[in-house]
Amino acid sequence: MRILIGEDDRKLAAQLKKGLDESGHACSLAFQGPDGFESAQSREFHVVVLDVMLPMLDGISIARWIFEIHAGTISVQSEPGKGSVFEIRLPIGKH
């Protein structure tokens, strides 16, 4: 699988990449939001892992763009002290 990891903590990103690479996946790293957005636009990934608070362009904005081009939706409900709930919907087509 091709996996994009958007994470500004370089140590955490390296650990994720190492574990996934060792499991046979091909990982690409993006340390800032615009880099993650550009990678998501220019290459096809099976999985995208995004830090919500990426610098210069947050992970939620990148995820929204991905879902919009695939006619899907993403919504977030957040309550202080209780965390956040993400709802992601993508249409499933016949291949």
Foldseek 3Di string as FASTA:
>chain_A
DEEEEAAQPVVVVVVVCVVVVVVPYHYDYHNADVSSLVCVVPDDGPYYHAAQDGPPHGPVNSVQVVQVVQVKHWDWDADPPPGIDIDIDGDDDDD
